[in-house]
Amino acid sequence: MVITPQGDPPGLVLTGTIGAADLEALRSALLDGGTPAHREVRVDMRQVPFLLLGTVRTLVRTAAELAEDGRSLVLDLAPHHEWAIGAVGWANAPGLVMVNGEVRR
């Protein structure tokens, strides 16, 4: 997994495979993402080939942590990622917003 900071609005771009050993680094990067002026932590995940269940759990758990502070985790996802999150029943998790480009789901 490679995490690259993104410009304006601030966010992250994830590329490559996210393994179990990457989950704590992913959580930390998400919690540190964004700024007080931007209540959304934006993450482009379109270059991640697949999502393991542990990755989805980490995303949902971190979105809930962000929601406690009035923030949200906005994931720019490929359609198959969106399907996977919906298939396990977590599409409406607190603080989690799924988009495709600028279209919110």
N, C-alpha and C. Protein backbone atom coordinates (compact mmCIF):
# COMPACT_ATOMS: atom_id res chain seq x y z
N MET A 1 0.85 -1.18 0.00
CA MET A 1 0.00 0.00 0.00
C MET A 1 0.89 1.24 0.00
N VAL A 2 0.49 2.20 -0.81
CA VAL A 2 1.17 3.49 -0.85
C VAL A 2 0.12 4.56 -0.54
N ILE A 3 0.43 5.44 0.42
CA ILE A 3 -0.45 6.54 0.79
C ILE A 3 0.21 7.83 0.34
N THR A 4 -0.48 8.59 -0.52
CA THR A 4 0.05 9.83 -1.05
C THR A 4 -0.88 10.98 -0.68
N PRO A 5 -0.35 12.05 -0.06
CA PRO A 5 -1.20 13.22 0.22
C PRO A 5 -1.70 13.84 -1.07
N GLN A 6 -2.89 14.42 -1.01
CA GLN A 6 -3.54 15.05 -2.16
C GLN A 6 -3.78 16.51 -1.83
N GLY A 7 -3.83 17.36 -2.85
CA GLY A 7 -3.94 18.81 -2.71
C GLY A 7 -5.19 19.36 -2.08
N ASP A 8 -6.00 20.10 -2.84
CA ASP A 8 -7.12 20.85 -2.30
C ASP A 8 -8.42 20.35 -2.91
N PRO A 9 -9.38 19.87 -2.15
CA PRO A 9 -9.33 19.78 -0.70
C PRO A 9 -8.33 18.71 -0.27
N PRO A 10 -7.80 18.85 0.92
CA PRO A 10 -6.80 17.89 1.37
C PRO A 10 -7.37 16.48 1.47
N GLY A 11 -6.55 15.53 1.16
CA GLY A 11 -6.98 14.14 1.24
C GLY A 11 -5.82 13.21 0.98
N LEU A 12 -6.16 11.97 0.74
CA LEU A 12 -5.16 10.94 0.50
C LEU A 12 -5.52 10.15 -0.74
N VAL A 13 -4.50 9.63 -1.40
CA VAL A 13 -4.69 8.70 -2.50
C VAL A 13 -4.02 7.40 -2.07
N LEU A 14 -4.79 6.31 -2.11
CA LEU A 14 -4.25 5.00 -1.78
C LEU A 14 -4.06 4.20 -3.06
N THR A 15 -2.91 3.54 -3.18
CA THR A 15 -2.65 2.68 -4.33
C THR A 15 -2.07 1.37 -3.83
N GLY A 16 -2.25 0.35 -4.64
CA GLY A 16 -1.69 -0.96 -4.30
C GLY A 16 -2.59 -1.76 -3.41
N THR A 17 -2.06 -2.87 -2.97
CA THR A 17 -2.80 -3.81 -2.13
C THR A 17 -2.68 -3.42 -0.66
N ILE A 18 -3.81 -3.43 0.03
CA ILE A 18 -3.82 -3.12 1.46
C ILE A 18 -3.88 -4.44 2.20
N GLY A 19 -2.79 -4.77 2.88
CA GLY A 19 -2.72 -6.02 3.62
C GLY A 19 -3.01 -5.82 5.09
N ALA A 20 -3.11 -6.92 5.82
CA ALA A 20 -3.39 -6.86 7.25
C ALA A 20 -2.34 -6.04 8.00
N ALA A 21 -1.10 -6.11 7.56
CA ALA A 21 -0.02 -5.38 8.22
C ALA A 21 -0.13 -3.87 7.99
N ASP A 22 -0.94 -3.44 7.03
CA ASP A 22 -1.08 -2.02 6.69
C ASP A 22 -2.23 -1.33 7.43
N LEU A 23 -3.06 -2.08 8.12
CA LEU A 23 -4.31 -1.52 8.65
C LEU A 23 -4.11 -0.45 9.70
N GLU A 24 -3.15 -0.61 10.59
CA GLU A 24 -2.92 0.42 11.61
C GLU A 24 -2.38 1.70 10.98
N ALA A 25 -1.49 1.57 9.98
CA ALA A 25 -0.97 2.74 9.27
C ALA A 25 -2.10 3.44 8.52
N LEU A 26 -3.01 2.67 7.93
CA LEU A 26 -4.15 3.24 7.23
C LEU A 26 -5.03 4.01 8.21
N ARG A 27 -5.36 3.41 9.34
CA ARG A 27 -6.18 4.08 10.35
C ARG A 27 -5.54 5.38 10.81
N SER A 28 -4.25 5.34 11.10
CA SER A 28 -3.55 6.55 11.55
C SER A 28 -3.58 7.64 10.49
N ALA A 29 -3.35 7.27 9.24
CA ALA A 29 -3.36 8.25 8.15
C ALA A 29 -4.75 8.88 8.00
N LEU A 30 -5.79 8.07 8.14
CA LEU A 30 -7.16 8.59 8.02
C LEU A 30 -7.50 9.53 9.17
N LEU A 31 -7.11 9.16 10.37
CA LEU A 31 -7.40 10.02 11.53
C LEU A 31 -6.62 11.32 11.47
N ASP A 32 -5.44 11.31 10.85
CA ASP A 32 -4.63 12.52 10.72
C ASP A 32 -4.98 13.32 9.47
N GLY A 33 -5.82 12.76 8.58
CA GLY A 33 -6.16 13.43 7.32
C GLY A 33 -7.08 14.61 7.53
N GLY A 34 -7.15 15.44 6.52
CA GLY A 34 -8.01 16.61 6.60
C GLY A 34 -7.43 17.70 7.47
N THR A 35 -8.17 18.76 7.61
CA THR A 35 -7.78 19.90 8.44
C THR A 35 -9.02 20.39 9.17
N PRO A 36 -8.85 21.22 10.19
CA PRO A 36 -10.03 21.76 10.88
C PRO A 36 -10.98 22.50 9.92
N ALA A 37 -10.43 23.12 8.88
CA ALA A 37 -11.27 23.84 7.92
C ALA A 37 -12.04 22.89 7.01
N HIS A 38 -11.55 21.67 6.86
CA HIS A 38 -12.19 20.67 6.02
C HIS A 38 -12.65 19.52 6.91
N ARG A 39 -13.93 19.42 7.13
CA ARG A 39 -14.48 18.41 8.04
C ARG A 39 -14.54 17.03 7.39
N GLU A 40 -14.22 16.96 6.11
CA GLU A 40 -14.22 15.68 5.42
C GLU A 40 -12.79 15.20 5.21
N VAL A 41 -12.56 13.93 5.50
CA VAL A 41 -11.29 13.30 5.17
C VAL A 41 -11.55 12.55 3.87
N ARG A 42 -10.98 13.05 2.78
CA ARG A 42 -11.23 12.48 1.45
C ARG A 42 -10.14 11.48 1.10
N VAL A 43 -10.56 10.32 0.60
CA VAL A 43 -9.62 9.26 0.25
C VAL A 43 -10.00 8.70 -1.11
N ASP A 44 -9.07 8.79 -2.05
CA ASP A 44 -9.25 8.20 -3.37
C ASP A 44 -8.71 6.78 -3.32
N MET A 45 -9.60 5.80 -3.46
CA MET A 45 -9.21 4.40 -3.39
C MET A 45 -9.40 3.68 -4.72
N ARG A 46 -9.55 4.43 -5.79
CA ARG A 46 -9.84 3.80 -7.08
C ARG A 46 -8.68 2.96 -7.61
N GLN A 47 -7.47 3.17 -7.09
CA GLN A 47 -6.31 2.40 -7.54
C GLN A 47 -6.00 1.21 -6.64
N VAL A 48 -6.90 0.90 -5.72
CA VAL A 48 -6.75 -0.28 -4.86
C VAL A 48 -7.50 -1.42 -5.56
N PRO A 49 -6.82 -2.51 -5.90
CA PRO A 49 -7.47 -3.55 -6.71
C PRO A 49 -8.60 -4.30 -6.02
N PHE A 50 -8.52 -4.52 -4.71
CA PHE A 50 -9.58 -5.21 -3.99
C PHE A 50 -9.52 -4.82 -2.52
N LEU A 51 -10.62 -5.08 -1.82
CA LEU A 51 -10.70 -4.76 -0.39
C LEU A 51 -10.89 -6.05 0.40
N LEU A 52 -10.00 -6.29 1.33
CA LEU A 52 -10.18 -7.38 2.27
C LEU A 52 -11.20 -6.95 3.32
N LEU A 53 -11.84 -7.92 3.96
CA LEU A 53 -12.82 -7.59 4.99
C LEU A 53 -12.19 -6.77 6.11
N GLY A 54 -10.95 -7.07 6.47
CA GLY A 54 -10.25 -6.29 7.50
C GLY A 54 -10.08 -4.84 7.11
N THR A 55 -9.87 -4.59 5.83
CA THR A 55 -9.74 -3.22 5.34
C THR A 55 -11.07 -2.49 5.48
N VAL A 56 -12.16 -3.16 5.08
CA VAL A 56 -13.49 -2.54 5.19
C VAL A 56 -13.81 -2.26 6.66
N ARG A 57 -13.49 -3.20 7.54
CA ARG A 57 -13.71 -2.98 8.98
C ARG A 57 -12.95 -1.76 9.48
N THR A 58 -11.71 -1.64 9.05
CA THR A 58 -10.89 -0.48 9.46
C THR A 58 -11.49 0.81 8.96
N LEU A 59 -11.96 0.83 7.72
CA LEU A 59 -12.57 2.04 7.16
C LEU A 59 -13.83 2.41 7.93
N VAL A 60 -14.67 1.44 8.21
CA VAL A 60 -15.93 1.70 8.91
C VAL A 60 -15.67 2.14 10.35
N ARG A 61 -14.77 1.47 11.03
CA ARG A 61 -14.43 1.83 12.43
C ARG A 61 -13.84 3.24 12.49
N THR A 62 -12.96 3.57 11.53
CA THR A 62 -12.33 4.89 11.52
C THR A 62 -13.35 5.97 11.16
N ALA A 63 -14.28 5.66 10.26
CA ALA A 63 -15.35 6.61 9.93
C ALA A 63 -16.18 6.92 11.17
N ALA A 64 -16.46 5.91 11.98
CA ALA A 64 -17.22 6.13 13.22
C ALA A 64 -16.43 7.00 14.20
N GLU A 65 -15.13 6.79 14.28
CA GLU A 65 -14.29 7.63 15.15
C GLU A 65 -14.32 9.08 14.67
N LEU A 66 -14.22 9.28 13.36
CA LEU A 66 -14.26 10.63 12.80
C LEU A 66 -15.63 11.27 13.06
N ALA A 67 -16.69 10.48 12.95
CA ALA A 67 -18.05 11.00 13.15
C ALA A 67 -18.24 11.52 14.57
N GLU A 68 -17.56 10.91 15.54
CA GLU A 68 -17.65 11.38 16.92
C GLU A 68 -17.14 12.81 17.06
N ASP A 69 -16.24 13.22 16.16
CA ASP A 69 -15.70 14.59 16.16
C ASP A 69 -16.38 15.48 15.13
N GLY A 70 -17.51 15.02 14.58
CA GLY A 70 -18.23 15.82 13.59
C GLY A 70 -17.59 15.81 12.22
N ARG A 71 -16.77 14.82 11.95
CA ARG A 71 -16.10 14.72 10.66
C ARG A 71 -16.65 13.52 9.91
N SER A 72 -16.31 13.43 8.63
CA SER A 72 -16.75 12.28 7.85
C SER A 72 -15.60 11.77 6.99
N LEU A 73 -15.68 10.49 6.67
CA LEU A 73 -14.70 9.83 5.80
C LEU A 73 -15.35 9.67 4.44
N VAL A 74 -14.83 10.38 3.45
CA VAL A 74 -15.39 10.36 2.10
C VAL A 74 -14.48 9.50 1.24
N LEU A 75 -15.01 8.36 0.80
CA LEU A 75 -14.24 7.42 -0.01
C LEU A 75 -14.63 7.52 -1.47
N ASP A 76 -13.66 7.80 -2.32
CA ASP A 76 -13.88 7.78 -3.76
C ASP A 76 -13.51 6.37 -4.21
N LEU A 77 -14.53 5.61 -4.58
CA LEU A 77 -14.38 4.17 -4.78
C LEU A 77 -14.68 3.73 -6.20
N ALA A 78 -14.05 2.64 -6.58
CA ALA A 78 -14.44 1.94 -7.79
C ALA A 78 -15.78 1.25 -7.50
N PRO A 79 -16.59 1.00 -8.54
CA PRO A 79 -17.90 0.38 -8.30
C PRO A 79 -17.84 -0.95 -7.55
N HIS A 80 -16.82 -1.76 -7.78
CA HIS A 80 -16.77 -3.05 -7.08
C HIS A 80 -16.45 -2.88 -5.59
N HIS A 81 -15.76 -1.81 -5.22
CA HIS A 81 -15.53 -1.53 -3.80
C HIS A 81 -16.84 -1.12 -3.14
N GLU A 82 -17.57 -0.26 -3.81
CA GLU A 82 -18.86 0.19 -3.28
C GLU A 82 -19.79 -1.00 -3.08
N TRP A 83 -19.79 -1.90 -4.05
CA TRP A 83 -20.61 -3.10 -3.95
C TRP A 83 -20.20 -3.93 -2.74
N ALA A 84 -18.89 -4.13 -2.53
CA ALA A 84 -18.39 -4.95 -1.42
C ALA A 84 -18.82 -4.37 -0.07
N ILE A 85 -18.70 -3.07 0.08
CA ILE A 85 -19.09 -2.43 1.35
C ILE A 85 -20.60 -2.57 1.57
N GLY A 86 -21.36 -2.41 0.50
CA GLY A 86 -22.81 -2.60 0.61
C GLY A 86 -23.19 -4.04 0.88
N ALA A 87 -22.46 -4.99 0.31
CA ALA A 87 -22.77 -6.41 0.47
C ALA A 87 -22.62 -6.87 1.92
N VAL A 88 -21.69 -6.28 2.65
CA VAL A 88 -21.53 -6.66 4.06
C VAL A 88 -22.42 -5.81 4.97
N GLY A 89 -23.20 -4.90 4.39
CA GLY A 89 -24.18 -4.14 5.16
C GLY A 89 -23.65 -2.90 5.85
N TRP A 90 -22.51 -2.38 5.40
CA TRP A 90 -21.91 -1.24 6.07
C TRP A 90 -21.95 0.05 5.24
N ALA A 91 -22.75 0.09 4.20
CA ALA A 91 -22.80 1.28 3.34
C ALA A 91 -23.31 2.52 4.06
N ASN A 92 -24.13 2.33 5.08
CA ASN A 92 -24.70 3.46 5.82
C ASN A 92 -24.07 3.64 7.18
N ALA A 93 -22.84 3.20 7.33
CA ALA A 93 -22.13 3.32 8.61
C ALA A 93 -21.97 4.80 8.98
N PRO A 94 -22.02 5.12 10.27
CA PRO A 94 -21.86 6.51 10.71
C PRO A 94 -20.53 7.09 10.22
N GLY A 95 -20.63 8.29 9.65
CA GLY A 95 -19.43 9.00 9.21
C GLY A 95 -18.88 8.57 7.87
N LEU A 96 -19.46 7.55 7.25
CA LEU A 96 -18.95 7.03 5.99
C LEU A 96 -19.77 7.56 4.82
N VAL A 97 -19.08 8.15 3.84
CA VAL A 97 -19.70 8.67 2.63
C VAL A 97 -18.97 8.05 1.45
N MET A 98 -19.70 7.44 0.54
CA MET A 98 -19.09 6.85 -0.65
C MET A 98 -19.43 7.71 -1.86
N VAL A 99 -18.43 7.98 -2.67
CA VAL A 99 -18.63 8.79 -3.87
C VAL A 99 -17.96 8.09 -5.05
N ASN A 100 -18.37 8.51 -6.23
CA ASN A 100 -17.72 8.11 -7.45
C ASN A 100 -17.50 9.41 -8.20
N GLY A 101 -16.27 9.93 -8.15
CA GLY A 101 -16.02 11.28 -8.63
C GLY A 101 -16.61 12.23 -7.62
N GLU A 102 -17.55 13.05 -8.02
CA GLU A 102 -18.22 13.98 -7.09
C GLU A 102 -19.65 13.54 -6.79
N VAL A 103 -20.08 12.37 -7.31
CA VAL A 103 -21.42 11.90 -7.09
C VAL A 103 -21.48 11.10 -5.80
N ARG A 104 -22.19 11.64 -4.80
CA ARG A 104 -22.30 10.95 -3.50
C ARG A 104 -23.32 9.83 -3.61
N ARG A 105 -23.01 8.76 -2.92
CA ARG A 105 -23.90 7.59 -2.91
C ARG A 105 -24.68 7.54 -1.62
